[in-house]
Amino acid sequence: MSEFLQAAQAFQSGDPAAADRLFPLVYDELRRLASSHLDREKPGHTLQPTALVHEAYLRLLGGEEPPTWNSRGHFFSAAAVAIRRILIDHARRKQSQKRGGEMERQALDDVVAALPEPREDLLALDEALDRLKQIDARAAQVVELLYFAGLTLSEAAAVMETSPRTTRRLWAYARAWLRRELEEPDEQKL
Protein backbone atom coordinates (compact mmCIF):
# COMPACT_ATOMS: atom_id res chain seq x y z
CA MET A 1 0.00 0.00 0.00
CA SER A 2 1.39 3.41 -0.92
CA GLU A 3 2.30 6.01 1.65
CA PHE A 4 -0.44 8.25 0.26
CA LEU A 5 -3.16 5.61 0.76
CA GLN A 6 -1.89 4.81 4.26
CA ALA A 7 -2.08 8.49 5.26
CA ALA A 8 -5.48 8.92 3.57
CA GLN A 9 -6.93 5.88 5.34
CA ALA A 10 -5.51 7.03 8.68
CA PHE A 11 -7.15 10.44 8.14
CA GLN A 12 -10.46 8.79 7.27
CA SER A 13 -10.19 6.75 10.47
CA GLY A 14 -9.97 9.93 12.50
CA ASP A 15 -6.21 10.22 13.07
CA PRO A 16 -5.62 14.01 13.32
CA ALA A 17 -1.87 13.64 12.63
CA ALA A 18 -2.58 11.92 9.30
CA ALA A 19 -3.44 15.25 7.64
CA ASP A 20 0.05 16.46 8.51
CA ARG A 21 1.56 13.35 6.90
CA LEU A 22 -0.66 13.66 3.83
CA PHE A 23 0.12 17.29 3.02
CA PRO A 24 3.83 16.87 2.09
CA LEU A 25 2.92 13.92 -0.13
CA VAL A 26 0.64 16.01 -2.36
CA TYR A 27 1.92 19.57 -1.89
CA ASP A 28 4.32 19.79 -4.85
CA GLU A 29 1.79 18.41 -7.30
CA LEU A 30 -1.00 20.65 -5.96
CA ARG A 31 1.32 23.66 -6.23
CA ARG A 32 2.15 22.76 -9.84
CA LEU A 33 -1.57 22.49 -10.63
CA ALA A 34 -2.30 25.81 -8.95
CA SER A 35 0.52 27.53 -10.84
CA SER A 36 -0.68 26.18 -14.18
CA HIS A 37 -4.22 27.42 -13.51
CA LEU A 38 -3.08 30.84 -12.39
CA ASP A 39 -0.88 31.16 -15.50
CA ARG A 40 -4.10 31.01 -17.54
CA GLU A 41 -5.74 33.80 -15.54
CA LYS A 42 -5.77 37.48 -16.44
CA PRO A 43 -2.62 39.44 -15.56
CA GLY A 44 -2.70 40.96 -12.09
CA HIS A 45 -4.54 38.05 -10.49
CA THR A 46 -4.48 38.48 -6.72
CA LEU A 47 -4.46 34.79 -5.79
CA GLN A 48 -1.05 33.22 -5.35
CA PRO A 49 -0.36 29.51 -6.02
CA THR A 50 0.48 28.87 -2.35
CA ALA A 51 -2.78 30.42 -1.16
CA LEU A 52 -4.72 28.44 -3.77
CA VAL A 53 -3.06 25.17 -2.67
CA HIS A 54 -3.74 25.84 1.01
CA GLU A 55 -7.36 26.81 0.39
CA ALA A 56 -7.95 23.73 -1.79
CA TYR A 57 -6.34 21.47 0.84
CA LEU A 58 -8.49 22.97 3.58
CA ARG A 59 -11.62 22.45 1.50
CA LEU A 60 -10.64 18.86 0.79
CA LEU A 61 -10.02 17.98 4.44
CA GLY A 62 -12.17 20.46 6.33
CA GLY A 63 -15.66 19.04 5.83
CA GLU A 64 -18.00 17.66 8.45
CA GLU A 65 -17.29 14.06 7.47
CA PRO A 66 -13.82 12.84 6.48
CA PRO A 67 -13.54 12.36 2.71
CA THR A 68 -12.81 8.94 1.26
CA TRP A 69 -10.21 8.57 -1.47
CA ASN A 70 -9.50 5.21 -3.01
CA SER A 71 -6.45 6.36 -4.99
CA ARG A 72 -4.10 9.22 -5.60
CA GLY A 73 -5.99 10.00 -8.84
CA HIS A 74 -9.26 10.18 -6.92
CA PHE A 75 -7.68 12.71 -4.54
CA PHE A 76 -6.47 14.88 -7.42
CA SER A 77 -9.87 14.65 -9.08
CA ALA A 78 -11.39 16.09 -5.90
CA ALA A 79 -8.58 18.67 -5.79
CA ALA A 80 -9.43 19.74 -9.35
CA VAL A 81 -13.02 20.41 -8.35
CA ALA A 82 -11.87 22.33 -5.25
CA ILE A 83 -9.44 24.47 -7.29
CA ARG A 84 -12.13 25.18 -9.87
CA ARG A 85 -14.58 26.30 -7.20
CA ILE A 86 -12.02 28.53 -5.50
CA LEU A 87 -11.16 30.23 -8.80
CA ILE A 88 -14.86 30.66 -9.64
CA ASP A 89 -15.62 32.09 -6.19
CA HIS A 90 -12.69 34.47 -6.54
CA ALA A 91 -13.81 35.58 -10.01
CA ARG A 92 -17.35 36.20 -8.75
CA ARG A 93 -16.09 38.27 -5.83
CA LYS A 94 -13.94 40.33 -8.19
CA GLN A 95 -16.92 41.07 -10.44
CA SER A 96 -19.40 41.88 -7.71
CA GLN A 97 -20.86 45.38 -7.66
CA LYS A 98 -19.48 45.88 -4.19
CA ARG A 99 -16.01 45.81 -5.71
CA GLY A 100 -16.79 47.82 -8.82
CA GLY A 101 -18.35 45.17 -11.01
CA GLU A 102 -16.47 44.64 -14.25
CA MET A 103 -14.47 47.85 -13.95
CA GLU A 104 -10.73 47.40 -13.59
CA ARG A 105 -8.07 49.78 -12.40
CA GLN A 106 -5.61 50.68 -15.07
CA ALA A 107 -2.54 52.81 -14.60
CA LEU A 108 -2.10 55.39 -17.32
CA ASP A 109 1.42 54.13 -17.88
CA ASP A 110 0.01 50.73 -18.85
CA VAL A 111 -2.43 51.98 -21.50
CA VAL A 112 -1.52 50.51 -24.85
CA ALA A 113 -3.20 51.15 -28.18
CA ALA A 114 -3.06 47.48 -29.18
CA LEU A 115 -5.80 45.06 -28.22
CA PRO A 116 -4.99 42.86 -25.24
CA GLU A 117 -4.32 39.17 -25.73
CA PRO A 118 -7.63 37.32 -25.53
CA ARG A 119 -8.10 35.47 -22.25
CA GLU A 120 -10.69 32.89 -21.43
CA ASP A 121 -13.62 33.97 -19.32
CA LEU A 122 -13.59 31.64 -16.33
CA LEU A 123 -17.18 32.40 -15.34
CA ALA A 124 -18.46 31.67 -18.85
CA LEU A 125 -16.45 28.44 -18.87
CA ASP A 126 -17.93 27.45 -15.50
CA GLU A 127 -21.48 28.08 -16.71
CA ALA A 128 -20.86 26.18 -19.95
CA LEU A 129 -19.29 23.31 -18.01
CA ASP A 130 -22.37 23.14 -15.78
CA ARG A 131 -24.58 22.93 -18.90
CA LEU A 132 -22.34 20.21 -20.35
CA LYS A 133 -22.58 18.29 -17.07
CA GLN A 134 -26.37 18.18 -17.52
CA ILE A 135 -25.98 16.79 -21.06
CA ASP A 136 -22.97 14.51 -20.56
CA ALA A 137 -21.53 14.24 -17.04
CA ARG A 138 -18.60 12.06 -18.16
CA ALA A 139 -17.48 14.63 -20.75
CA ALA A 140 -17.64 17.34 -18.09
CA GLN A 141 -15.58 15.17 -15.74
CA VAL A 142 -12.91 14.75 -18.43
CA VAL A 143 -12.68 18.54 -18.74
CA GLU A 144 -12.31 18.92 -14.97
CA LEU A 145 -9.60 16.27 -14.82
CA LEU A 146 -7.60 17.49 -17.81
CA TYR A 147 -8.11 21.24 -17.56
CA PHE A 148 -8.49 21.87 -13.84
CA ALA A 149 -6.52 18.95 -12.36
CA GLY A 150 -3.84 18.93 -15.06
CA LEU A 151 -3.96 15.16 -15.50
CA THR A 152 -2.89 13.48 -18.72
CA LEU A 153 -5.39 11.58 -20.84
CA SER A 154 -4.14 8.24 -19.51
CA GLU A 155 -4.31 9.45 -15.90
CA ALA A 156 -7.84 10.76 -16.44
CA ALA A 157 -8.81 7.44 -18.02
CA ALA A 158 -7.53 5.61 -14.95
CA VAL A 159 -9.45 7.91 -12.59
CA MET A 160 -12.63 7.51 -14.62
CA GLU A 161 -12.02 3.78 -15.11
CA THR A 162 -12.42 4.07 -18.88
CA SER A 163 -10.10 3.31 -21.77
CA PRO A 164 -7.73 6.04 -22.99
CA ARG A 165 -9.51 5.93 -26.36
CA THR A 166 -12.92 6.61 -24.75
CA THR A 167 -11.41 9.39 -22.67
CA ARG A 168 -9.82 10.93 -25.79
CA ARG A 169 -13.19 10.78 -27.59
CA LEU A 170 -14.97 12.42 -24.61
CA TRP A 171 -12.27 15.13 -24.50
CA ALA A 172 -12.68 15.90 -28.21
CA TYR A 173 -16.45 16.07 -27.83
CA ALA A 174 -16.26 18.27 -24.72
CA ARG A 175 -13.78 20.68 -26.33
CA ALA A 176 -15.93 21.09 -29.44
CA TRP A 177 -19.10 21.49 -27.40
CA LEU A 178 -17.52 24.07 -25.07
CA ARG A 179 -15.96 25.98 -27.99
CA ARG A 180 -19.36 26.22 -29.66
CA GLU A 181 -21.03 27.33 -26.43
CA LEU A 182 -18.40 29.94 -25.62
CA GLU A 183 -18.10 31.39 -29.13
CA GLU A 184 -21.80 31.64 -30.06
CA PRO A 185 -23.57 34.90 -29.35
CA ASP A 186 -26.26 34.58 -26.65
CA GLU A 187 -29.16 35.18 -29.04
CA GLN A 188 -28.21 32.16 -31.21
CA LYS A 189 -28.32 29.84 -28.16
CA LEU A 190 -32.03 30.49 -27.62
C-alpha atoms as a PDB file:
ATOM      1  CA  MET A   1       0.000   0.000   0.000  1.00  0.00           C
ATOM      2  CA  SER A   2       1.386   3.408  -0.922  1.00  0.00           C
ATOM      3  CA  GLU A   3       2.303   6.011   1.655  1.00  0.00           C
ATOM      4  CA  PHE A   4      -0.443   8.247   0.260  1.00  0.00           C
ATOM      5  CA  LEU A   5      -3.165   5.612   0.759  1.00  0.00           C
ATOM      6  CA  GLN A   6      -1.894   4.814   4.258  1.00  0.00           C
ATOM      7  CA  ALA A   7      -2.082   8.494   5.263  1.00  0.00           C
ATOM      8  CA  ALA A   8      -5.479   8.916   3.573  1.00  0.00           C
ATOM      9  CA  GLN A   9      -6.933   5.880   5.336  1.00  0.00           C
ATOM     10  CA  ALA A  10      -5.512   7.035   8.682  1.00  0.00           C
ATOM     11  CA  PHE A  11      -7.148  10.440   8.140  1.00  0.00           C
ATOM     12  CA  GLN A  12     -10.463   8.790   7.267  1.00  0.00           C
ATOM     13  CA  SER A  13     -10.193   6.751  10.466  1.00  0.00           C
ATOM     14  CA  GLY A  14      -9.975   9.932  12.501  1.00  0.00           C
ATOM     15  CA  ASP A  15      -6.207  10.222  13.069  1.00  0.00           C
ATOM     16  CA  PRO A  16      -5.616  14.007  13.321  1.00  0.00           C
ATOM     17  CA  ALA A  17      -1.869  13.640  12.627  1.00  0.00           C
ATOM     18  CA  ALA A  18      -2.585  11.925   9.298  1.00  0.00           C
ATOM     19  CA  ALA A  19      -3.442  15.249   7.639  1.00  0.00           C
ATOM     20  CA  ASP A  20       0.052  16.463   8.515  1.00  0.00           C
ATOM     21  CA  ARG A  21       1.560  13.348   6.905  1.00  0.00           C
ATOM     22  CA  LEU A  22      -0.661  13.661   3.830  1.00  0.00           C
ATOM     23  CA  PHE A  23       0.123  17.295   3.023  1.00  0.00           C
ATOM     24  CA  PRO A  24       3.833  16.867   2.089  1.00  0.00           C
ATOM     25  CA  LEU A  25       2.916  13.918  -0.131  1.00  0.00           C
ATOM     26  CA  VAL A  26       0.636  16.009  -2.357  1.00  0.00           C
ATOM     27  CA  TYR A  27       1.915  19.569  -1.890  1.00  0.00           C
ATOM     28  CA  ASP A  28       4.321  19.785  -4.846  1.00  0.00           C
ATOM     29  CA  GLU A  29       1.792  18.413  -7.305  1.00  0.00           C
ATOM     30  CA  LEU A  30      -0.996  20.647  -5.964  1.00  0.00           C
ATOM     31  CA  ARG A  31       1.319  23.665  -6.231  1.00  0.00           C
ATOM     32  CA  ARG A  32       2.151  22.761  -9.842  1.00  0.00           C
ATOM     33  CA  LEU A  33      -1.570  22.488 -10.627  1.00  0.00           C
ATOM     34  CA  ALA A  34      -2.302  25.809  -8.955  1.00  0.00           C
ATOM     35  CA  SER A  35       0.521  27.528 -10.839  1.00  0.00           C
ATOM     36  CA  SER A  36      -0.679  26.180 -14.180  1.00  0.00           C
ATOM     37  CA  HIS A  37      -4.221  27.421 -13.507  1.00  0.00           C
ATOM     38  CA  LEU A  38      -3.080  30.838 -12.388  1.00  0.00           C
ATOM     39  CA  ASP A  39      -0.884  31.156 -15.497  1.00  0.00           C
ATOM     40  CA  ARG A  40      -4.099  31.006 -17.539  1.00  0.00           C
ATOM     41  CA  GLU A  41      -5.738  33.802 -15.535  1.00  0.00           C
ATOM     42  CA  LYS A  42      -5.766  37.478 -16.436  1.00  0.00           C
ATOM     43  CA  PRO A  43      -2.624  39.442 -15.560  1.00  0.00           C
ATOM     44  CA  GLY A  44      -2.696  40.961 -12.089  1.00  0.00           C
ATOM     45  CA  HIS A  45      -4.541  38.045 -10.485  1.00  0.00           C
ATOM     46  CA  THR A  46      -4.476  38.480  -6.716  1.00  0.00           C
ATOM     47  CA  LEU A  47      -4.464  34.787  -5.793  1.00  0.00           C
ATOM     48  CA  GLN A  48      -1.047  33.218  -5.351  1.00  0.00           C
ATOM     49  CA  PRO A  49      -0.364  29.511  -6.016  1.00  0.00           C
ATOM     50  CA  THR A  50       0.485  28.875  -2.355  1.00  0.00           C
ATOM     51  CA  ALA A  51      -2.777  30.424  -1.164  1.00  0.00           C
ATOM     52  CA  LEU A  52      -4.723  28.436  -3.768  1.00  0.00           C
ATOM     53  CA  VAL A  53      -3.061  25.174  -2.665  1.00  0.00           C
ATOM     54  CA  HIS A  54      -3.743  25.836   1.009  1.00  0.00           C
ATOM     55  CA  GLU A  55      -7.361  26.809   0.389  1.00  0.00           C
ATOM     56  CA  ALA A  56      -7.945  23.727  -1.788  1.00  0.00           C
ATOM     57  CA  TYR A  57      -6.339  21.473   0.835  1.00  0.00           C
ATOM     58  CA  LEU A  58      -8.486  22.970   3.578  1.00  0.00           C
ATOM     59  CA  ARG A  59     -11.623  22.451   1.500  1.00  0.00           C
ATOM     60  CA  LEU A  60     -10.639  18.861   0.791  1.00  0.00           C
ATOM     61  CA  LEU A  61     -10.019  17.976   4.440  1.00  0.00           C
ATOM     62  CA  GLY A  62     -12.172  20.459   6.331  1.00  0.00           C
ATOM     63  CA  GLY A  63     -15.659  19.045   5.832  1.00  0.00           C
ATOM     64  CA  GLU A  64     -17.997  17.663   8.447  1.00  0.00           C
ATOM     65  CA  GLU A  65     -17.287  14.064   7.473  1.00  0.00           C
ATOM     66  CA  PRO A  66     -13.823  12.838   6.476  1.00  0.00           C
ATOM     67  CA  PRO A  67     -13.540  12.361   2.705  1.00  0.00           C
ATOM     68  CA  THR A  68     -12.806   8.944   1.257  1.00  0.00           C
ATOM     69  CA  TRP A  69     -10.214   8.566  -1.474  1.00  0.00           C
ATOM     70  CA  ASN A  70      -9.499   5.212  -3.005  1.00  0.00           C
ATOM     71  CA  SER A  71      -6.448   6.356  -4.988  1.00  0.00           C
ATOM     72  CA  ARG A  72      -4.102   9.225  -5.603  1.00  0.00           C
ATOM     73  CA  GLY A  73      -5.989   9.998  -8.838  1.00  0.00           C
ATOM     74  CA  HIS A  74      -9.261  10.179  -6.923  1.00  0.00           C
ATOM     75  CA  PHE A  75      -7.682  12.706  -4.538  1.00  0.00           C
ATOM     76  CA  PHE A  76      -6.472  14.877  -7.419  1.00  0.00           C
ATOM     77  CA  SER A  77      -9.873  14.651  -9.084  1.00  0.00           C
ATOM     78  CA  ALA A  78     -11.386  16.087  -5.896  1.00  0.00           C
ATOM     79  CA  ALA A  79      -8.580  18.669  -5.790  1.00  0.00           C
ATOM     80  CA  ALA A  80      -9.430  19.744  -9.352  1.00  0.00           C
ATOM     81  CA  VAL A  81     -13.024  20.407  -8.349  1.00  0.00           C
ATOM     82  CA  ALA A  82     -11.867  22.332  -5.253  1.00  0.00           C
ATOM     83  CA  ILE A  83      -9.442  24.473  -7.286  1.00  0.00           C
ATOM     84  CA  ARG A  84     -12.134  25.176  -9.874  1.00  0.00           C
ATOM     85  CA  ARG A  85     -14.583  26.305  -7.200  1.00  0.00           C
ATOM     86  CA  ILE A  86     -12.019  28.525  -5.500  1.00  0.00           C
ATOM     87  CA  LEU A  87     -11.160  30.233  -8.799  1.00  0.00           C
ATOM     88  CA  ILE A  88     -14.856  30.655  -9.639  1.00  0.00           C
ATOM     89  CA  ASP A  89     -15.624  32.095  -6.193  1.00  0.00           C
ATOM     90  CA  HIS A  90     -12.689  34.467  -6.536  1.00  0.00           C
ATOM     91  CA  ALA A  91     -13.814  35.576 -10.013  1.00  0.00           C
ATOM     92  CA  ARG A  92     -17.354  36.199  -8.752  1.00  0.00           C
ATOM     93  CA  ARG A  93     -16.094  38.274  -5.831  1.00  0.00           C
ATOM     94  CA  LYS A  94     -13.941  40.325  -8.188  1.00  0.00           C
ATOM     95  CA  GLN A  95     -16.918  41.065 -10.442  1.00  0.00           C
ATOM     96  CA  SER A  96     -19.395  41.882  -7.705  1.00  0.00           C
ATOM     97  CA  GLN A  97     -20.860  45.375  -7.662  1.00  0.00           C
ATOM     98  CA  LYS A  98     -19.480  45.880  -4.191  1.00  0.00           C
ATOM     99  CA  ARG A  99     -16.006  45.815  -5.707  1.00  0.00           C
ATOM    100  CA  GLY A 100     -16.786  47.822  -8.819  1.00  0.00           C
ATOM    101  CA  GLY A 101     -18.351  45.165 -11.015  1.00  0.00           C
ATOM    102  CA  GLU A 102     -16.472  44.636 -14.253  1.00  0.00           C
ATOM    103  CA  MET A 103     -14.467  47.852 -13.951  1.00  0.00           C
ATOM    104  CA  GLU A 104     -10.733  47.399 -13.591  1.00  0.00           C
ATOM    105  CA  ARG A 105      -8.073  49.785 -12.397  1.00  0.00           C
ATOM    106  CA  GLN A 106      -5.612  50.676 -15.074  1.00  0.00           C
ATOM    107  CA  ALA A 107      -2.544  52.814 -14.595  1.00  0.00           C
ATOM    108  CA  LEU A 108      -2.101  55.386 -17.318  1.00  0.00           C
ATOM    109  CA  ASP A 109       1.420  54.132 -17.885  1.00  0.00           C
ATOM    110  CA  ASP A 110       0.010  50.733 -18.847  1.00  0.00           C
ATOM    111  CA  VAL A 111      -2.434  51.979 -21.496  1.00  0.00           C
ATOM    112  CA  VAL A 112      -1.519  50.506 -24.851  1.00  0.00           C
ATOM    113  CA  ALA A 113      -3.203  51.153 -28.184  1.00  0.00           C
ATOM    114  CA  ALA A 114      -3.059  47.481 -29.182  1.00  0.00           C
ATOM    115  CA  LEU A 115      -5.800  45.057 -28.219  1.00  0.00           C
ATOM    116  CA  PRO A 116      -4.990  42.859 -25.245  1.00  0.00           C
ATOM    117  CA  GLU A 117      -4.319  39.171 -25.726  1.00  0.00           C
ATOM    118  CA  PRO A 118      -7.630  37.317 -25.533  1.00  0.00           C
ATOM    119  CA  ARG A 119      -8.101  35.468 -22.250  1.00  0.00           C
ATOM    120  CA  GLU A 120     -10.694  32.889 -21.428  1.00  0.00           C
ATOM    121  CA  ASP A 121     -13.618  33.973 -19.320  1.00  0.00           C
ATOM    122  CA  LEU A 122     -13.589  31.639 -16.333  1.00  0.00           C
ATOM    123  CA  LEU A 123     -17.185  32.404 -15.337  1.00  0.00           C
ATOM    124  CA  ALA A 124     -18.461  31.672 -18.847  1.00  0.00           C
ATOM    125  CA  LEU A 125     -16.449  28.440 -18.867  1.00  0.00           C
ATOM    126  CA  ASP A 126     -17.927  27.454 -15.504  1.00  0.00           C
ATOM    127  CA  GLU A 127     -21.484  28.084 -16.714  1.00  0.00           C
ATOM    128  CA  ALA A 128     -20.859  26.177 -19.951  1.00  0.00           C
ATOM    129  CA  LEU A 129     -19.291  23.309 -18.011  1.00  0.00           C
ATOM    130  CA  ASP A 130     -22.373  23.141 -15.777  1.00  0.00           C
ATOM    131  CA  ARG A 131     -24.583  22.929 -18.905  1.00  0.00           C
ATOM    132  CA  LEU A 132     -22.339  20.208 -20.349  1.00  0.00           C
ATOM    133  CA  LYS A 133     -22.582  18.290 -17.070  1.00  0.00           C
ATOM    134  CA  GLN A 134     -26.372  18.177 -17.525  1.00  0.00           C
ATOM    135  CA  ILE A 135     -25.981  16.792 -21.056  1.00  0.00           C
ATOM    136  CA  ASP A 136     -22.969  14.511 -20.560  1.00  0.00           C
ATOM    137  CA  ALA A 137     -21.527  14.238 -17.044  1.00  0.00           C
ATOM    138  CA  ARG A 138     -18.603  12.064 -18.164  1.00  0.00           C
ATOM    139  CA  ALA A 139     -17.476  14.629 -20.749  1.00  0.00           C
ATOM    140  CA  ALA A 140     -17.643  17.340 -18.087  1.00  0.00           C
ATOM    141  CA  GLN A 141     -15.581  15.170 -15.737  1.00  0.00           C
ATOM    142  CA  VAL A 142     -12.913  14.748 -18.429  1.00  0.00           C
ATOM    143  CA  VAL A 143     -12.684  18.544 -18.738  1.00  0.00           C
ATOM    144  CA  GLU A 144     -12.313  18.921 -14.972  1.00  0.00           C
ATOM    145  CA  LEU A 145      -9.605  16.265 -14.818  1.00  0.00           C
ATOM    146  CA  LEU A 146      -7.600  17.488 -17.812  1.00  0.00           C
ATOM    147  CA  TYR A 147      -8.114  21.240 -17.557  1.00  0.00           C
ATOM    148  CA  PHE A 148      -8.488  21.875 -13.836  1.00  0.00           C
ATOM    149  CA  ALA A 149      -6.517  18.952 -12.364  1.00  0.00           C
ATOM    150  CA  GLY A 150      -3.843  18.934 -15.062  1.00  0.00           C
ATOM    151  CA  LEU A 151      -3.963  15.160 -15.498  1.00  0.00           C
ATOM    152  CA  THR A 152      -2.894  13.481 -18.719  1.00  0.00           C
ATOM    153  CA  LEU A 153      -5.391  11.578 -20.842  1.00  0.00           C
ATOM    154  CA  SER A 154      -4.140   8.235 -19.514  1.00  0.00           C
ATOM    155  CA  GLU A 155      -4.311   9.450 -15.897  1.00  0.00           C
ATOM    156  CA  ALA A 156      -7.836  10.759 -16.444  1.00  0.00           C
ATOM    157  CA  ALA A 157      -8.813   7.436 -18.020  1.00  0.00           C
ATOM    158  CA  ALA A 158      -7.527   5.614 -14.949  1.00  0.00           C
ATOM    159  CA  VAL A 159      -9.445   7.909 -12.585  1.00  0.00           C
ATOM    160  CA  MET A 160     -12.629   7.508 -14.616  1.00  0.00           C
ATOM    161  CA  GLU A 161     -12.022   3.778 -15.114  1.00  0.00           C
ATOM    162  CA  THR A 162     -12.423   4.074 -18.884  1.00  0.00           C
ATOM    163  CA  SER A 163     -10.101   3.312 -21.769  1.00  0.00           C
ATOM    164  CA  PRO A 164      -7.731   6.041 -22.990  1.00  0.00           C
ATOM    165  CA  ARG A 165      -9.515   5.934 -26.359  1.00  0.00           C
ATOM    166  CA  THR A 166     -12.916   6.611 -24.752  1.00  0.00           C
ATOM    167  CA  THR A 167     -11.406   9.392 -22.670  1.00  0.00           C
ATOM    168  CA  ARG A 168      -9.823  10.932 -25.791  1.00  0.00           C
ATOM    169  CA  ARG A 169     -13.193  10.782 -27.587  1.00  0.00           C
ATOM    170  CA  LEU A 170     -14.971  12.419 -24.611  1.00  0.00           C
ATOM    171  CA  TRP A 171     -12.275  15.131 -24.497  1.00  0.00           C
ATOM    172  CA  ALA A 172     -12.678  15.901 -28.213  1.00  0.00           C
ATOM    173  CA  TYR A 173     -16.454  16.068 -27.833  1.00  0.00           C
ATOM    174  CA  ALA A 174     -16.265  18.269 -24.725  1.00  0.00           C
ATOM    175  CA  ARG A 175     -13.776  20.683 -26.334  1.00  0.00           C
ATOM    176  CA  ALA A 176     -15.927  21.085 -29.438  1.00  0.00           C
ATOM    177  CA  TRP A 177     -19.097  21.495 -27.403  1.00  0.00           C
ATOM    178  CA  LEU A 178     -17.522  24.066 -25.069  1.00  0.00           C
ATOM    179  CA  ARG A 179     -15.958  25.979 -27.986  1.00  0.00           C
ATOM    180  CA  ARG A 180     -19.360  26.217 -29.665  1.00  0.00           C
ATOM    181  CA  GLU A 181     -21.032  27.332 -26.431  1.00  0.00           C
ATOM    182  CA  LEU A 182     -18.397  29.941 -25.623  1.00  0.00           C
ATOM    183  CA  GLU A 183     -18.099  31.389 -29.134  1.00  0.00           C
ATOM    184  CA  GLU A 184     -21.798  31.644 -30.058  1.00  0.00           C
ATOM    185  CA  PRO A 185     -23.570  34.898 -29.349  1.00  0.00           C
ATOM    186  CA  ASP A 186     -26.264  34.580 -26.653  1.00  0.00           C
ATOM    187  CA  GLU A 187     -29.165  35.177 -29.035  1.00  0.00           C
ATOM    188  CA  GLN A 188     -28.213  32.162 -31.205  1.00  0.00           C
ATOM    189  CA  LYS A 189     -28.320  29.840 -28.160  1.00  0.00           C
ATOM    190  CA  LEU A 190     -32.032  30.489 -27.620  1.00  0.00           C
END
